[in-house]
Structures are given as C-alpha cells and as structure tokens.
Amino acid sequence: MPTTTPLEKAVRDQLDRYFEDLGDSAPNDMLAMVNLCVERAVLQVALERTEGNQTRAADMLGITRGTLRKKLQVHQLTA
C-alpha cells in the first residue's frame, strides 16, 4: 500500500468534512469541483511565491506562461 503524503491527507480530511457538511445530499461532479478548487489555490500560491512574476510562476508549475495566463482568466485571478 502506498504511503499517504501530508498533502493527500489534508485533501482527504477536507473531503471528509465536505461529506459531513453535505449530510444526506448526494455530491455532484465532485472531481471537477476538487480540481477547480485545488488548481485555483495552486495558482494563487505560485503567484504569491513569485511575487506576481508570471514567467517564474509558470516555471514553478511546469506549464507555459500562456497556459498560466489562460488558467488565471478561467479562475478570474487576473487584474
């Protein structure tokens, strides 16, 4: 069995909390929801760590600057 990383544990803990909050309601499109939430947070952290430098943030994320800019627009993180 693979070892769980601290990040995986944090995600699982938050998902457990999400299901508790849902109560008897059924989740809908959960993977897309998680992907959007995680992506937005990762983009924000990369920009914070690079003091807004998109080229360095893109390098940190392993994507092109153009891809970063598109993702920032999707998440409404552009000025």
PDB file of N, CA and C in Angstrom:
ATOM      1  N   MET A   1       0.854  -1.186   0.000  1.00  0.00           N
ATOM      2  CA  MET A   1       0.000   0.000   0.000  1.00  0.00           C
ATOM      3  C   MET A   1       0.898   1.248   0.000  1.00  0.00           C
ATOM      4  N   PRO A   2       0.641   2.201  -0.920  1.00  0.00           N
ATOM      5  CA  PRO A   2       1.467   3.408  -0.976  1.00  0.00           C
ATOM      6  C   PRO A   2       1.299   4.261   0.278  1.00  0.00           C
ATOM      7  N   THR A   3       2.345   4.973   0.604  1.00  0.00           N
ATOM      8  CA  THR A   3       2.315   5.882   1.745  1.00  0.00           C
ATOM      9  C   THR A   3       1.530   7.132   1.374  1.00  0.00           C
ATOM     10  N   THR A   4       0.706   7.588   2.290  1.00  0.00           N
ATOM     11  CA  THR A   4      -0.062   8.805   2.082  1.00  0.00           C
ATOM     12  C   THR A   4       0.801  10.011   2.439  1.00  0.00           C
ATOM     13  N   THR A   5       0.857  10.974   1.530  1.00  0.00           N
ATOM     14  CA  THR A   5       1.625  12.188   1.787  1.00  0.00           C
ATOM     15  C   THR A   5       0.802  13.134   2.664  1.00  0.00           C
ATOM     16  N   PRO A   6       1.461  14.092   3.291  1.00  0.00           N
ATOM     17  CA  PRO A   6       0.708  15.077   4.089  1.00  0.00           C
ATOM     18  C   PRO A   6      -0.328  15.838   3.245  1.00  0.00           C
ATOM     19  N   LEU A   7       0.007  16.123   1.997  1.00  0.00           N
ATOM     20  CA  LEU A   7      -0.950  16.828   1.140  1.00  0.00           C
ATOM     21  C   LEU A   7      -2.168  15.956   0.858  1.00  0.00           C
ATOM     22  N   GLU A   8      -1.950  14.678   0.570  1.00  0.00           N
ATOM     23  CA  GLU A   8      -3.065  13.763   0.347  1.00  0.00           C
ATOM     24  C   GLU A   8      -3.943  13.662   1.593  1.00  0.00           C
ATOM     25  N   LYS A   9      -3.311  13.595   2.745  1.00  0.00           N
ATOM     26  CA  LYS A   9      -4.070  13.520   3.994  1.00  0.00           C
ATOM     27  C   LYS A   9      -4.931  14.767   4.184  1.00  0.00           C
ATOM     28  N   ALA A  10      -4.350  15.934   3.895  1.00  0.00           N
ATOM     29  CA  ALA A  10      -5.104  17.184   4.035  1.00  0.00           C
ATOM     30  C   ALA A  10      -6.307  17.201   3.091  1.00  0.00           C
ATOM     31  N   VAL A  11      -6.118  16.723   1.869  1.00  0.00           N
ATOM     32  CA  VAL A  11      -7.220  16.671   0.909  1.00  0.00           C
ATOM     33  C   VAL A  11      -8.300  15.714   1.408  1.00  0.00           C
ATOM     34  N   ARG A  12      -7.887  14.535   1.866  1.00  0.00           N
ATOM     35  CA  ARG A  12      -8.859  13.559   2.382  1.00  0.00           C
ATOM     36  C   ARG A  12      -9.633  14.129   3.575  1.00  0.00           C
ATOM     37  N   ASP A  13      -8.928  14.802   4.476  1.00  0.00           N
ATOM     38  CA  ASP A  13      -9.588  15.400   5.637  1.00  0.00           C
ATOM     39  C   ASP A  13     -10.645  16.411   5.197  1.00  0.00           C
ATOM     40  N   GLN A  14     -10.314  17.238   4.206  1.00  0.00           N
ATOM     41  CA  GLN A  14     -11.266  18.234   3.727  1.00  0.00           C
ATOM     42  C   GLN A  14     -12.439  17.580   3.003  1.00  0.00           C
ATOM     43  N   LEU A  15     -12.176  16.492   2.285  1.00  0.00           N
ATOM     44  CA  LEU A  15     -13.274  15.774   1.634  1.00  0.00           C
ATOM     45  C   LEU A  15     -14.196  15.130   2.661  1.00  0.00           C
ATOM     46  N   ASP A  16     -13.611  14.604   3.725  1.00  0.00           N
ATOM     47  CA  ASP A  16     -14.445  14.055   4.804  1.00  0.00           C
ATOM     48  C   ASP A  16     -15.343  15.144   5.374  1.00  0.00           C
ATOM     49  N   ARG A  17     -14.778  16.317   5.578  1.00  0.00           N
ATOM     50  CA  ARG A  17     -15.561  17.445   6.098  1.00  0.00           C
ATOM     51  C   ARG A  17     -16.649  17.844   5.106  1.00  0.00           C
ATOM     52  N   TYR A  18     -16.319  17.832   3.814  1.00  0.00           N
ATOM     53  CA  TYR A  18     -17.282  18.153   2.761  1.00  0.00           C
ATOM     54  C   TYR A  18     -18.474  17.197   2.833  1.00  0.00           C
ATOM     55  N   PHE A  19     -18.193  15.890   2.968  1.00  0.00           N
ATOM     56  CA  PHE A  19     -19.278  14.920   3.040  1.00  0.00           C
ATOM     57  C   PHE A  19     -20.103  15.086   4.317  1.00  0.00           C
ATOM     58  N   GLU A  20     -19.452  15.444   5.403  1.00  0.00           N
ATOM     59  CA  GLU A  20     -20.201  15.715   6.639  1.00  0.00           C
ATOM     60  C   GLU A  20     -21.150  16.891   6.433  1.00  0.00           C
ATOM     61  N   ASP A  21     -20.645  17.942   5.783  1.00  0.00           N
ATOM     62  CA  ASP A  21     -21.458  19.124   5.526  1.00  0.00           C
ATOM     63  C   ASP A  21     -22.610  18.833   4.573  1.00  0.00           C
ATOM     64  N   LEU A  22     -22.402  17.897   3.645  1.00  0.00           N
ATOM     65  CA  LEU A  22     -23.455  17.535   2.688  1.00  0.00           C
ATOM     66  C   LEU A  22     -24.626  16.843   3.360  1.00  0.00           C
ATOM     67  N   GLY A  23     -24.330  16.125   4.423  1.00  0.00           N
ATOM     68  CA  GLY A  23     -25.392  15.379   5.095  1.00  0.00           C
ATOM     69  C   GLY A  23     -25.943  14.301   4.181  1.00  0.00           C
ATOM     70  N   ASP A  24     -27.248  14.327   3.955  1.00  0.00           N
ATOM     71  CA  ASP A  24     -27.901  13.323   3.121  1.00  0.00           C
ATOM     72  C   ASP A  24     -27.890  13.683   1.639  1.00  0.00           C
ATOM     73  N   SER A  25     -27.412  14.857   1.295  1.00  0.00           N
ATOM     74  CA  SER A  25     -27.368  15.260  -0.109  1.00  0.00           C
ATOM     75  C   SER A  25     -26.277  14.480  -0.842  1.00  0.00           C
ATOM     76  N   ALA A  26     -26.521  14.217  -2.104  1.00  0.00           N
ATOM     77  CA  ALA A  26     -25.545  13.490  -2.916  1.00  0.00           C
ATOM     78  C   ALA A  26     -24.583  14.484  -3.579  1.00  0.00           C
ATOM     79  N   PRO A  27     -23.296  14.157  -3.616  1.00  0.00           N
ATOM     80  CA  PRO A  27     -22.350  15.038  -4.307  1.00  0.00           C
ATOM     81  C   PRO A  27     -22.592  14.984  -5.809  1.00  0.00           C
ATOM     82  N   ASN A  28     -22.218  16.068  -6.486  1.00  0.00           N
ATOM     83  CA  ASN A  28     -22.396  16.136  -7.927  1.00  0.00           C
ATOM     84  C   ASN A  28     -21.128  16.689  -8.561  1.00  0.00           C
ATOM     85  N   ASP A  29     -20.563  15.972  -9.512  1.00  0.00           N
ATOM     86  CA  ASP A  29     -19.380  16.419 -10.251  1.00  0.00           C
ATOM     87  C   ASP A  29     -18.230  16.767  -9.307  1.00  0.00           C
ATOM     88  N   MET A  30     -18.024  15.893  -8.341  1.00  0.00           N
ATOM     89  CA  MET A  30     -17.057  16.138  -7.279  1.00  0.00           C
ATOM     90  C   MET A  30     -15.624  16.299  -7.793  1.00  0.00           C
ATOM     91  N   LEU A  31     -15.215  15.498  -8.767  1.00  0.00           N
ATOM     92  CA  LEU A  31     -13.844  15.587  -9.273  1.00  0.00           C
ATOM     93  C   LEU A  31     -13.583  16.952  -9.900  1.00  0.00           C
ATOM     94  N   ALA A  32     -14.506  17.434 -10.688  1.00  0.00           N
ATOM     95  CA  ALA A  32     -14.342  18.756 -11.303  1.00  0.00           C
ATOM     96  C   ALA A  32     -14.269  19.842 -10.238  1.00  0.00           C
ATOM     97  N   MET A  33     -15.122  19.731  -9.203  1.00  0.00           N
ATOM     98  CA  MET A  33     -15.120  20.710  -8.123  1.00  0.00           C
ATOM     99  C   MET A  33     -13.763  20.737  -7.419  1.00  0.00           C
ATOM    100  N   VAL A  34     -13.247  19.561  -7.092  1.00  0.00           N
ATOM    101  CA  VAL A  34     -11.962  19.477  -6.392  1.00  0.00           C
ATOM    102  C   VAL A  34     -10.843  20.008  -7.278  1.00  0.00           C
ATOM    103  N   ASN A  35     -10.854  19.618  -8.551  1.00  0.00           N
ATOM    104  CA  ASN A  35      -9.809  20.091  -9.463  1.00  0.00           C
ATOM    105  C   ASN A  35      -9.801  21.610  -9.554  1.00  0.00           C
ATOM    106  N   LEU A  36     -10.974  22.215  -9.673  1.00  0.00           N
ATOM    107  CA  LEU A  36     -11.044  23.676  -9.760  1.00  0.00           C
ATOM    108  C   LEU A  36     -10.545  24.344  -8.482  1.00  0.00           C
ATOM    109  N   CYS A  37     -10.959  23.809  -7.341  1.00  0.00           N
ATOM    110  CA  CYS A  37     -10.541  24.391  -6.062  1.00  0.00           C
ATOM    111  C   CYS A  37      -9.035  24.273  -5.855  1.00  0.00           C
ATOM    112  N   VAL A  38      -8.511  23.103  -6.154  1.00  0.00           N
ATOM    113  CA  VAL A  38      -7.073  22.873  -5.963  1.00  0.00           C
ATOM    114  C   VAL A  38      -6.277  23.709  -6.952  1.00  0.00           C
ATOM    115  N   GLU A  39      -6.703  23.730  -8.209  1.00  0.00           N
ATOM    116  CA  GLU A  39      -5.971  24.496  -9.218  1.00  0.00           C
ATOM    117  C   GLU A  39      -5.924  25.976  -8.844  1.00  0.00           C
ATOM    118  N   ARG A  40      -7.047  26.510  -8.424  1.00  0.00           N
ATOM    119  CA  ARG A  40      -7.092  27.930  -8.045  1.00  0.00           C
ATOM    120  C   ARG A  40      -6.109  28.217  -6.906  1.00  0.00           C
ATOM    121  N   ALA A  41      -6.108  27.365  -5.892  1.00  0.00           N
ATOM    122  CA  ALA A  41      -5.208  27.568  -4.757  1.00  0.00           C
ATOM    123  C   ALA A  41      -3.745  27.449  -5.184  1.00  0.00           C
ATOM    124  N   VAL A  42      -3.439  26.491  -6.038  1.00  0.00           N
ATOM    125  CA  VAL A  42      -2.056  26.301  -6.504  1.00  0.00           C
ATOM    126  C   VAL A  42      -1.601  27.516  -7.318  1.00  0.00           C
ATOM    127  N   LEU A  43      -2.474  28.030  -8.169  1.00  0.00           N
ATOM    128  CA  LEU A  43      -2.134  29.219  -8.949  1.00  0.00           C
ATOM    129  C   LEU A  43      -1.867  30.410  -8.030  1.00  0.00           C
ATOM    130  N   GLN A  44      -2.726  30.602  -7.040  1.00  0.00           N
ATOM    131  CA  GLN A  44      -2.552  31.715  -6.109  1.00  0.00           C
ATOM    132  C   GLN A  44      -1.238  31.603  -5.354  1.00  0.00           C
ATOM    133  N   VAL A  45      -0.916  30.414  -4.875  1.00  0.00           N
ATOM    134  CA  VAL A  45       0.323  30.225  -4.116  1.00  0.00           C
ATOM    135  C   VAL A  45       1.536  30.461  -5.011  1.00  0.00           C
ATOM    136  N   ALA A  46       1.505  29.943  -6.235  1.00  0.00           N
ATOM    137  CA  ALA A  46       2.633  30.145  -7.152  1.00  0.00           C
ATOM    138  C   ALA A  46       2.858  31.628  -7.413  1.00  0.00           C
ATOM    139  N   LEU A  47       1.782  32.370  -7.621  1.00  0.00           N
ATOM    140  CA  LEU A  47       1.919  33.809  -7.858  1.00  0.00           C
ATOM    141  C   LEU A  47       2.418  34.537  -6.610  1.00  0.00           C
ATOM    142  N   GLU A  48       1.930  34.126  -5.451  1.00  0.00           N
ATOM    143  CA  GLU A  48       2.398  34.750  -4.207  1.00  0.00           C
ATOM    144  C   GLU A  48       3.892  34.478  -4.009  1.00  0.00           C
ATOM    145  N   ARG A  49       4.312  33.241  -4.231  1.00  0.00           N
ATOM    146  CA  ARG A  49       5.715  32.862  -4.017  1.00  0.00           C
ATOM    147  C   ARG A  49       6.659  33.537  -4.995  1.00  0.00           C
ATOM    148  N   THR A  50       6.142  33.910  -6.174  1.00  0.00           N
ATOM    149  CA  THR A  50       6.981  34.567  -7.179  1.00  0.00           C
ATOM    150  C   THR A  50       6.711  36.062  -7.253  1.00  0.00           C
ATOM    151  N   GLU A  51       5.995  36.568  -6.256  1.00  0.00           N
ATOM    152  CA  GLU A  51       5.653  37.986  -6.173  1.00  0.00           C
ATOM    153  C   GLU A  51       4.991  38.482  -7.453  1.00  0.00           C
ATOM    154  N   GLY A  52       4.105  37.642  -8.019  1.00  0.00           N
ATOM    155  CA  GLY A  52       3.339  38.025  -9.195  1.00  0.00           C
ATOM    156  C   GLY A  52       4.046  37.831 -10.521  1.00  0.00           C
ATOM    157  N   ASN A  53       5.259  37.312 -10.498  1.00  0.00           N
ATOM    158  CA  ASN A  53       6.008  37.100 -11.739  1.00  0.00           C
ATOM    159  C   ASN A  53       5.453  35.867 -12.445  1.00  0.00           C
ATOM    160  N   GLN A  54       4.728  36.096 -13.536  1.00  0.00           N
ATOM    161  CA  GLN A  54       4.057  35.003 -14.221  1.00  0.00           C
ATOM    162  C   GLN A  54       5.020  34.031 -14.889  1.00  0.00           C
ATOM    163  N   THR A  55       6.132  34.508 -15.380  1.00  0.00           N
ATOM    164  CA  THR A  55       7.110  33.620 -16.010  1.00  0.00           C
ATOM    165  C   THR A  55       7.672  32.648 -14.982  1.00  0.00           C
ATOM    166  N   ARG A  56       8.057  33.174 -13.818  1.00  0.00           N
ATOM    167  CA  ARG A  56       8.587  32.301 -12.764  1.00  0.00           C
ATOM    168  C   ARG A  56       7.509  31.380 -12.202  1.00  0.00           C
ATOM    169  N   ALA A  57       6.287  31.887 -12.076  1.00  0.00           N
ATOM    170  CA  ALA A  57       5.185  31.055 -11.584  1.00  0.00           C
ATOM    171  C   ALA A  57       4.915  29.907 -12.551  1.00  0.00           C
ATOM    172  N   ALA A  58       4.909  30.200 -13.847  1.00  0.00           N
ATOM    173  CA  ALA A  58       4.689  29.156 -14.848  1.00  0.00           C
ATOM    174  C   ALA A  58       5.791  28.102 -14.770  1.00  0.00           C
ATOM    175  N   ASP A  59       7.039  28.547 -14.625  1.00  0.00           N
ATOM    176  CA  ASP A  59       8.153  27.603 -14.479  1.00  0.00           C
ATOM    177  C   ASP A  59       7.951  26.730 -13.244  1.00  0.00           C
ATOM    178  N   MET A  60       7.556  27.344 -12.146  1.00  0.00           N
ATOM    179  CA  MET A  60       7.324  26.611 -10.896  1.00  0.00           C
ATOM    180  C   MET A  60       6.238  25.550 -11.090  1.00  0.00           C
ATOM    181  N   LEU A  61       5.214  25.885 -11.870  1.00  0.00           N
ATOM    182  CA  LEU A  61       4.083  24.993 -12.085  1.00  0.00           C
ATOM    183  C   LEU A  61       4.340  23.953 -13.175  1.00  0.00           C
ATOM    184  N   GLY A  62       5.385  24.174 -13.971  1.00  0.00           N
ATOM    185  CA  GLY A  62       5.686  23.241 -15.055  1.00  0.00           C
ATOM    186  C   GLY A  62       4.774  23.414 -16.262  1.00  0.00           C
ATOM    187  N   ILE A  63       4.301  24.647 -16.462  1.00  0.00           N
ATOM    188  CA  ILE A  63       3.444  24.957 -17.606  1.00  0.00           C
ATOM    189  C   ILE A  63       4.008  26.177 -18.314  1.00  0.00           C
ATOM    190  N   THR A  64       3.486  26.464 -19.514  1.00  0.00           N
ATOM    191  CA  THR A  64       3.936  27.656 -20.224  1.00  0.00           C
ATOM    192  C   THR A  64       3.264  28.893 -19.633  1.00  0.00           C
ATOM    193  N   ARG A  65       3.842  30.036 -19.908  1.00  0.00           N
ATOM    194  CA  ARG A  65       3.261  31.292 -19.429  1.00  0.00           C
ATOM    195  C   ARG A  65       1.880  31.508 -20.044  1.00  0.00           C
ATOM    196  N   GLY A  66       1.722  31.125 -21.313  1.00  0.00           N
ATOM    197  CA  GLY A  66       0.429  31.250 -21.976  1.00  0.00           C
ATOM    198  C   GLY A  66      -0.646  30.401 -21.298  1.00  0.00           C
ATOM    199  N   THR A  67      -0.274  29.181 -20.936  1.00  0.00           N
ATOM    200  CA  THR A  67      -1.210  28.309 -20.230  1.00  0.00           C
ATOM    201  C   THR A  67      -1.564  28.902 -18.872  1.00  0.00           C
ATOM    202  N   LEU A  68      -0.570  29.446 -18.190  1.00  0.00           N
ATOM    203  CA  LEU A  68      -0.828  30.087 -16.894  1.00  0.00           C
ATOM    204  C   LEU A  68      -1.819  31.229 -17.066  1.00  0.00           C
ATOM    205  N   ARG A  69      -1.606  32.052 -18.072  1.00  0.00           N
ATOM    206  CA  ARG A  69      -2.494  33.200 -18.280  1.00  0.00           C
ATOM    207  C   ARG A  69      -3.933  32.744 -18.551  1.00  0.00           C
ATOM    208  N   LYS A  70      -4.097  31.671 -19.319  1.00  0.00           N
ATOM    209  CA  LYS A  70      -5.444  31.138 -19.592  1.00  0.00           C
ATOM    210  C   LYS A  70      -6.085  30.641 -18.300  1.00  0.00           C
ATOM    211  N   LYS A  71      -5.312  29.938 -17.485  1.00  0.00           N
ATOM    212  CA  LYS A  71      -5.842  29.422 -16.223  1.00  0.00           C
ATOM    213  C   LYS A  71      -6.209  30.570 -15.277  1.00  0.00           C
ATOM    214  N   LEU A  72      -5.400  31.616 -15.267  1.00  0.00           N
ATOM    215  CA  LEU A  72      -5.705  32.777 -14.431  1.00  0.00           C
ATOM    216  C   LEU A  72      -7.019  33.423 -14.872  1.00  0.00           C
ATOM    217  N   GLN A  73      -7.269  33.470 -16.172  1.00  0.00           N
ATOM    218  CA  GLN A  73      -8.533  34.033 -16.671  1.00  0.00           C
ATOM    219  C   GLN A  73      -9.713  33.149 -16.260  1.00  0.00           C
ATOM    220  N   VAL A  74      -9.548  31.837 -16.395  1.00  0.00           N
ATOM    221  CA  VAL A  74     -10.624  30.905 -16.011  1.00  0.00           C
ATOM    222  C   VAL A  74     -11.008  31.091 -14.555  1.00  0.00           C
ATOM    223  N   HIS A  75     -10.000  31.292 -13.709  1.00  0.00           N
ATOM    224  CA  HIS A  75     -10.231  31.422 -12.266  1.00  0.00           C
ATOM    225  C   HIS A  75     -10.429  32.879 -11.840  1.00  0.00           C
ATOM    226  N   GLN A  76     -10.512  33.763 -12.825  1.00  0.00           N
ATOM    227  CA  GLN A  76     -10.705  35.195 -12.567  1.00  0.00           C
ATOM    228  C   GLN A  76      -9.665  35.729 -11.582  1.00  0.00           C
ATOM    229  N   LEU A  77      -8.414  35.368 -11.834  1.00  0.00           N
ATOM    230  CA  LEU A  77      -7.314  35.822 -10.989  1.00  0.00           C
ATOM    231  C   LEU A  77      -6.478  36.890 -11.681  1.00  0.00           C
ATOM    232  N   THR A  78      -6.954  37.420 -12.794  1.00  0.00           N
ATOM    233  CA  THR A  78      -6.238  38.477 -13.491  1.00  0.00           C
ATOM    234  C   THR A  78      -6.805  39.821 -13.113  1.00  0.00           C
ATOM    235  N   ALA A  79      -5.957  40.821 -13.238  1.00  0.00           N
ATOM    236  CA  ALA A  79      -6.386  42.191 -12.894  1.00  0.00           C
ATOM    237  C   ALA A  79      -7.252  42.778 -13.961  1.00  0.00           C
TER     238      ALA A  79
END
